[in-house]
Amino acid sequence: MKKVLIINGHPDKESFCSALAAIYKKGADASGAPCKLVNLTELEFNPVLKFGYRHRTELEPDLVTIQHDISESDHIVIVYPNWWSTYPALLKGFIDRVFLPKFAFAYRDNSPLWDKLLTGKTARLIVTMDTPKWYYWLINRNAGHHAMKVGVLEFSGIKPVKITSFGPIRTASEKKRAEWLKTAESLGQKQK
């Protein structure tokens, strides 16, 4: 069984993303997989990497814990809404503060290459959108999907990264939302 870490990146605990994260956990729990759900909105941390990488910003206790959770996990699930073609500021700040050099990656001296420090893990992105999938692909070129998959997770060595998008959320019927919740629970049961 994979050890699963679910990160809910929506700042509103009553959002549909929160329901998706909870039902994914329910599915993983039913399968017997060790599983932890973290709601970013409940963590205490400054999302601003104030000095970039020039000076080290000490990690708050919640970020130390989540780095440990990431290190110990086999499969990472990140649930978030697509806002302005990417993801919420809370999730971006979390990435800036947690996926740091010497934790997620390491620069090589005198080389444009880097070492990927989170290899051996897989990931699933569960993304809600108000944009139709075809429009997001055609017009926005899947900008947020690409940034999270390639620019963050694969850059750190996490592979494969699968993406499940649900939308448009705003106009979805209760029946459609129930179908999406069932899909998320099924993904949790399979730790996919």
C-alpha atoms as a PDB file:
ATOM      1  CA  MET A   1       0.000   0.000   0.000  1.00  0.00           C
ATOM      2  CA  LYS A   2       1.162   3.479  -0.807  1.00  0.00           C
ATOM      3  CA  LYS A   3       1.421   6.028   1.982  1.00  0.00           C
ATOM      4  CA  VAL A   4      -0.763   8.902   0.766  1.00  0.00           C
ATOM      5  CA  LEU A   5      -0.568  12.613   1.575  1.00  0.00           C
ATOM      6  CA  ILE A   6      -3.506  14.763   0.466  1.00  0.00           C
ATOM      7  CA  ILE A   7      -2.981  18.532   0.377  1.00  0.00           C
ATOM      8  CA  ASN A   8      -6.088  20.682   0.032  1.00  0.00           C
ATOM      9  CA  GLY A   9      -4.924  23.985  -1.451  1.00  0.00           C
ATOM     10  CA  HIS A  10      -8.289  25.759  -1.405  1.00  0.00           C
ATOM     11  CA  PRO A  11      -8.399  28.554   1.201  1.00  0.00           C
ATOM     12  CA  ASP A  12     -12.112  27.896   1.928  1.00  0.00           C
ATOM     13  CA  LYS A  13     -12.717  24.769   4.025  1.00  0.00           C
ATOM     14  CA  GLU A  14     -16.324  24.647   2.788  1.00  0.00           C
ATOM     15  CA  SER A  15     -15.372  24.526  -0.901  1.00  0.00           C
ATOM     16  CA  PHE A  16     -16.012  21.731  -3.370  1.00  0.00           C
ATOM     17  CA  CYS A  17     -12.237  21.122  -3.322  1.00  0.00           C
ATOM     18  CA  SER A  18     -12.519  20.357   0.394  1.00  0.00           C
ATOM     19  CA  ALA A  19     -15.274  17.842  -0.364  1.00  0.00           C
ATOM     20  CA  LEU A  20     -13.102  16.243  -3.073  1.00  0.00           C
ATOM     21  CA  ALA A  21     -10.112  15.998  -0.724  1.00  0.00           C
ATOM     22  CA  ALA A  22     -12.247  14.457   2.034  1.00  0.00           C
ATOM     23  CA  ILE A  23     -13.857  11.896  -0.277  1.00  0.00           C
ATOM     24  CA  TYR A  24     -10.477  10.944  -1.775  1.00  0.00           C
ATOM     25  CA  LYS A  25      -9.299  10.303   1.804  1.00  0.00           C
ATOM     26  CA  LYS A  26     -12.424   8.254   2.492  1.00  0.00           C
ATOM     27  CA  GLY A  27     -11.588   6.062  -0.508  1.00  0.00           C
ATOM     28  CA  ALA A  28      -7.946   5.672   0.532  1.00  0.00           C
ATOM     29  CA  ASP A  29      -8.975   4.868   4.116  1.00  0.00           C
ATOM     30  CA  ALA A  30     -11.419   2.214   2.862  1.00  0.00           C
ATOM     31  CA  SER A  31      -8.597   0.540   0.940  1.00  0.00           C
ATOM     32  CA  GLY A  32      -6.435   0.415   4.062  1.00  0.00           C
ATOM     33  CA  ALA A  33      -3.800   2.797   2.727  1.00  0.00           C
ATOM     34  CA  PRO A  34      -2.135   5.014   5.344  1.00  0.00           C
ATOM     35  CA  CYS A  35      -3.452   8.466   4.493  1.00  0.00           C
ATOM     36  CA  LYS A  36      -3.187  12.003   5.858  1.00  0.00           C
ATOM     37  CA  LEU A  37      -5.224  15.036   4.772  1.00  0.00           C
ATOM     38  CA  VAL A  38      -3.776  18.514   5.272  1.00  0.00           C
ATOM     39  CA  ASN A  39      -5.833  21.665   4.686  1.00  0.00           C
ATOM     40  CA  LEU A  40      -3.395  24.484   3.920  1.00  0.00           C
ATOM     41  CA  THR A  41      -5.793  27.038   5.359  1.00  0.00           C
ATOM     42  CA  GLU A  42      -5.299  25.418   8.803  1.00  0.00           C
ATOM     43  CA  LEU A  43      -1.492  25.720   8.740  1.00  0.00           C
ATOM     44  CA  GLU A  44       0.279  28.682  10.283  1.00  0.00           C
ATOM     45  CA  PHE A  45       2.979  30.037   7.977  1.00  0.00           C
ATOM     46  CA  ASN A  46       3.956  33.160   6.090  1.00  0.00           C
ATOM     47  CA  PRO A  47       3.446  32.324   2.388  1.00  0.00           C
ATOM     48  CA  VAL A  48       6.011  34.920   1.287  1.00  0.00           C
ATOM     49  CA  LEU A  49       9.561  33.726   0.629  1.00  0.00           C
ATOM     50  CA  LYS A  50      10.821  37.119   1.740  1.00  0.00           C
ATOM     51  CA  PHE A  51      14.464  36.873   0.655  1.00  0.00           C
ATOM     52  CA  GLY A  52      14.110  34.355  -2.139  1.00  0.00           C
ATOM     53  CA  TYR A  53      16.987  31.907  -1.849  1.00  0.00           C
ATOM     54  CA  ARG A  54      19.479  34.655  -0.883  1.00  0.00           C
ATOM     55  CA  HIS A  55      18.850  34.200   2.862  1.00  0.00           C
ATOM     56  CA  ARG A  56      17.261  31.227   4.551  1.00  0.00           C
ATOM     57  CA  THR A  57      13.847  31.932   6.039  1.00  0.00           C
ATOM     58  CA  GLU A  58      13.301  29.653   9.031  1.00  0.00           C
ATOM     59  CA  LEU A  59      10.428  27.249   8.571  1.00  0.00           C
ATOM     60  CA  GLU A  60       7.446  27.481  10.869  1.00  0.00           C
ATOM     61  CA  PRO A  61       6.643  24.243  12.770  1.00  0.00           C
ATOM     62  CA  ASP A  62       3.737  23.425  10.437  1.00  0.00           C
ATOM     63  CA  LEU A  63       6.077  23.597   7.425  1.00  0.00           C
ATOM     64  CA  VAL A  64       8.659  21.383   9.123  1.00  0.00           C
ATOM     65  CA  THR A  65       5.883  18.846   9.712  1.00  0.00           C
ATOM     66  CA  ILE A  66       4.628  18.992   6.120  1.00  0.00           C
ATOM     67  CA  GLN A  67       8.148  18.548   4.732  1.00  0.00           C
ATOM     68  CA  HIS A  68       8.407  15.408   6.876  1.00  0.00           C
ATOM     69  CA  ASP A  69       5.003  14.254   5.591  1.00  0.00           C
ATOM     70  CA  ILE A  70       6.106  14.793   1.984  1.00  0.00           C
ATOM     71  CA  SER A  71       9.354  12.903   2.602  1.00  0.00           C
ATOM     72  CA  GLU A  72       7.497   9.965   4.144  1.00  0.00           C
ATOM     73  CA  SER A  73       4.755   9.749   1.505  1.00  0.00           C
ATOM     74  CA  ASP A  74       4.699   7.596  -1.598  1.00  0.00           C
ATOM     75  CA  HIS A  75       1.806   9.354  -3.335  1.00  0.00           C
ATOM     76  CA  ILE A  76       0.941  13.058  -3.058  1.00  0.00           C
ATOM     77  CA  VAL A  77      -2.499  14.338  -3.995  1.00  0.00           C
ATOM     78  CA  ILE A  78      -2.944  18.088  -4.375  1.00  0.00           C
ATOM     79  CA  VAL A  79      -6.496  19.381  -4.625  1.00  0.00           C
ATOM     80  CA  TYR A  80      -7.035  22.996  -5.660  1.00  0.00           C
ATOM     81  CA  PRO A  81      -9.143  25.358  -7.758  1.00  0.00           C
ATOM     82  CA  ASN A  82      -7.859  26.817 -10.999  1.00  0.00           C
ATOM     83  CA  TRP A  83      -7.861  30.581 -10.463  1.00  0.00           C
ATOM     84  CA  TRP A  84      -6.528  32.965 -13.115  1.00  0.00           C
ATOM     85  CA  SER A  85      -5.284  29.934 -15.096  1.00  0.00           C
ATOM     86  CA  THR A  86      -3.078  28.600 -12.272  1.00  0.00           C
ATOM     87  CA  TYR A  87      -3.715  28.112  -8.550  1.00  0.00           C
ATOM     88  CA  PRO A  88      -4.522  30.164  -5.436  1.00  0.00           C
ATOM     89  CA  ALA A  89      -1.927  32.372  -3.761  1.00  0.00           C
ATOM     90  CA  LEU A  90      -2.068  30.189  -0.633  1.00  0.00           C
ATOM     91  CA  LEU A  91      -0.908  27.154  -2.616  1.00  0.00           C
ATOM     92  CA  LYS A  92       1.744  29.167  -4.471  1.00  0.00           C
ATOM     93  CA  GLY A  93       3.096  30.493  -1.163  1.00  0.00           C
ATOM     94  CA  PHE A  94       3.114  26.968   0.245  1.00  0.00           C
ATOM     95  CA  ILE A  95       5.144  25.744  -2.729  1.00  0.00           C
ATOM     96  CA  ASP A  96       7.581  28.662  -2.414  1.00  0.00           C
ATOM     97  CA  ARG A  97       8.126  27.968   1.285  1.00  0.00           C
ATOM     98  CA  VAL A  98       8.211  24.135   1.218  1.00  0.00           C
ATOM     99  CA  PHE A  99       9.731  22.994  -2.088  1.00  0.00           C
ATOM    100  CA  LEU A 100      13.110  24.472  -1.266  1.00  0.00           C
ATOM    101  CA  PRO A 101      16.680  23.780  -2.375  1.00  0.00           C
ATOM    102  CA  LYS A 102      18.164  20.891  -0.366  1.00  0.00           C
ATOM    103  CA  PHE A 103      14.653  19.550   0.254  1.00  0.00           C
ATOM    104  CA  ALA A 104      12.978  19.245  -3.167  1.00  0.00           C
ATOM    105  CA  PHE A 105      16.014  19.803  -5.386  1.00  0.00           C
ATOM    106  CA  ALA A 106      19.693  20.725  -5.231  1.00  0.00           C
ATOM    107  CA  TYR A 107      21.601  22.924  -7.616  1.00  0.00           C
ATOM    108  CA  ARG A 108      24.849  21.493  -8.969  1.00  0.00           C
ATOM    109  CA  ASP A 109      27.995  23.587  -8.819  1.00  0.00           C
ATOM    110  CA  ASN A 110      28.967  25.089 -12.160  1.00  0.00           C
ATOM    111  CA  SER A 111      26.112  23.358 -13.966  1.00  0.00           C
ATOM    112  CA  PRO A 112      22.668  24.304 -15.293  1.00  0.00           C
ATOM    113  CA  LEU A 113      21.457  20.893 -14.090  1.00  0.00           C
ATOM    114  CA  TRP A 114      20.021  20.009 -10.702  1.00  0.00           C
ATOM    115  CA  ASP A 115      19.407  16.953  -8.547  1.00  0.00           C
ATOM    116  CA  LYS A 116      15.796  15.901  -8.025  1.00  0.00           C
ATOM    117  CA  LEU A 117      15.440  15.050  -4.333  1.00  0.00           C
ATOM    118  CA  LEU A 118      11.844  13.748  -4.231  1.00  0.00           C
ATOM    119  CA  THR A 119      12.217  10.841  -6.655  1.00  0.00           C
ATOM    120  CA  GLY A 120      10.312   7.614  -6.067  1.00  0.00           C
ATOM    121  CA  LYS A 121       7.023   9.410  -5.406  1.00  0.00           C
ATOM    122  CA  THR A 122       3.952   9.755  -7.583  1.00  0.00           C
ATOM    123  CA  ALA A 123       1.294  12.473  -7.609  1.00  0.00           C
ATOM    124  CA  ARG A 124      -2.260  13.253  -8.600  1.00  0.00           C
ATOM    125  CA  LEU A 125      -3.593  16.766  -9.146  1.00  0.00           C
ATOM    126  CA  ILE A 126      -7.332  17.178  -8.645  1.00  0.00           C
ATOM    127  CA  VAL A 127      -8.274  20.547 -10.076  1.00  0.00           C
ATOM    128  CA  THR A 128     -11.627  22.321 -10.158  1.00  0.00           C
ATOM    129  CA  MET A 129     -12.318  24.905 -12.855  1.00  0.00           C
ATOM    130  CA  ASP A 130     -15.074  27.148 -14.096  1.00  0.00           C
ATOM    131  CA  THR A 131     -13.464  27.075 -17.519  1.00  0.00           C
ATOM    132  CA  PRO A 132     -14.444  24.219 -19.846  1.00  0.00           C
ATOM    133  CA  LYS A 133     -11.535  21.785 -20.314  1.00  0.00           C
ATOM    134  CA  TRP A 134     -11.369  22.370 -24.073  1.00  0.00           C
ATOM    135  CA  TYR A 135     -11.118  26.138 -23.573  1.00  0.00           C
ATOM    136  CA  TYR A 136      -8.447  25.783 -20.886  1.00  0.00           C
ATOM    137  CA  TRP A 137      -6.420  23.583 -23.223  1.00  0.00           C
ATOM    138  CA  LEU A 138      -6.936  25.664 -26.393  1.00  0.00           C
ATOM    139  CA  ILE A 139      -6.739  29.203 -25.036  1.00  0.00           C
ATOM    140  CA  ASN A 140      -4.779  28.876 -21.782  1.00  0.00           C
ATOM    141  CA  ARG A 141      -2.587  25.980 -22.939  1.00  0.00           C
ATOM    142  CA  ASN A 142      -3.189  24.179 -19.606  1.00  0.00           C
ATOM    143  CA  ALA A 143      -0.957  26.775 -17.957  1.00  0.00           C
ATOM    144  CA  GLY A 144      -1.623  25.862 -14.322  1.00  0.00           C
ATOM    145  CA  HIS A 145      -1.548  22.116 -14.980  1.00  0.00           C
ATOM    146  CA  HIS A 146       1.816  22.476 -16.711  1.00  0.00           C
ATOM    147  CA  ALA A 147       3.249  24.756 -14.011  1.00  0.00           C
ATOM    148  CA  MET A 148       2.325  22.375 -11.194  1.00  0.00           C
ATOM    149  CA  LYS A 149       3.139  19.123 -13.008  1.00  0.00           C
ATOM    150  CA  VAL A 150       6.369  20.076 -14.769  1.00  0.00           C
ATOM    151  CA  GLY A 151       7.551  23.211 -12.987  1.00  0.00           C
ATOM    152  CA  VAL A 152       7.088  21.957  -9.417  1.00  0.00           C
ATOM    153  CA  LEU A 153       6.521  18.212  -9.061  1.00  0.00           C
ATOM    154  CA  GLU A 154       8.522  16.728 -11.945  1.00  0.00           C
ATOM    155  CA  PHE A 155      11.248  19.349 -11.350  1.00  0.00           C
ATOM    156  CA  SER A 156      11.536  17.820  -7.857  1.00  0.00           C
ATOM    157  CA  GLY A 157      11.580  14.235  -9.172  1.00  0.00           C
ATOM    158  CA  ILE A 158       7.940  13.283  -8.529  1.00  0.00           C
ATOM    159  CA  LYS A 159       6.756  11.182 -11.437  1.00  0.00           C
ATOM    160  CA  PRO A 160       4.339  10.259 -12.884  1.00  0.00           C
ATOM    161  CA  VAL A 161       1.984  13.135 -12.174  1.00  0.00           C
ATOM    162  CA  LYS A 162      -1.618  12.494 -13.240  1.00  0.00           C
ATOM    163  CA  ILE A 163      -4.219  15.243 -13.542  1.00  0.00           C
ATOM    164  CA  THR A 164      -7.956  15.029 -13.003  1.00  0.00           C
ATOM    165  CA  SER A 165      -9.925  18.197 -13.792  1.00  0.00           C
ATOM    166  CA  PHE A 166     -13.543  18.828 -12.886  1.00  0.00           C
ATOM    167  CA  GLY A 167     -15.496  21.650 -14.433  1.00  0.00           C
ATOM    168  CA  PRO A 168     -17.142  23.909 -15.073  1.00  0.00           C
ATOM    169  CA  ILE A 169     -17.962  23.869 -11.355  1.00  0.00           C
ATOM    170  CA  ARG A 170     -20.093  27.007 -11.187  1.00  0.00           C
ATOM    171  CA  THR A 171     -22.802  25.647 -13.465  1.00  0.00           C
ATOM    172  CA  ALA A 172     -22.570  21.955 -12.496  1.00  0.00           C
ATOM    173  CA  SER A 173     -25.696  20.178 -11.329  1.00  0.00           C
ATOM    174  CA  GLU A 174     -25.838  18.312  -8.034  1.00  0.00           C
ATOM    175  CA  LYS A 175     -25.893  15.088 -10.052  1.00  0.00           C
ATOM    176  CA  LYS A 176     -22.697  16.048 -11.878  1.00  0.00           C
ATOM    177  CA  ARG A 177     -20.991  17.027  -8.607  1.00  0.00           C
ATOM    178  CA  ALA A 178     -22.009  13.678  -7.098  1.00  0.00           C
ATOM    179  CA  GLU A 179     -20.402  11.915 -10.092  1.00  0.00           C
ATOM    180  CA  TRP A 180     -17.195  13.891  -9.579  1.00  0.00           C
ATOM    181  CA  LEU A 181     -17.145  12.991  -5.887  1.00  0.00           C
ATOM    182  CA  LYS A 182     -17.585   9.326  -6.790  1.00  0.00           C
ATOM    183  CA  THR A 183     -14.659   9.595  -9.222  1.00  0.00           C
ATOM    184  CA  ALA A 184     -12.456  11.141  -6.530  1.00  0.00           C
ATOM    185  CA  GLU A 185     -13.408   8.408  -4.036  1.00  0.00           C
ATOM    186  CA  SER A 186     -12.535   5.752  -6.622  1.00  0.00           C
ATOM    187  CA  LEU A 187      -9.136   7.383  -7.218  1.00  0.00           C
ATOM    188  CA  GLY A 188      -8.569   7.288  -3.464  1.00  0.00           C
ATOM    189  CA  GLN A 189      -9.439   3.592  -3.272  1.00  0.00           C
ATOM    190  CA  LYS A 190      -6.779   2.887  -5.890  1.00  0.00           C
ATOM    191  CA  GLN A 191      -4.315   5.505  -4.550  1.00  0.00           C
ATOM    192  CA  LYS A 192      -4.138   6.943  -8.047  1.00  0.00           C
END
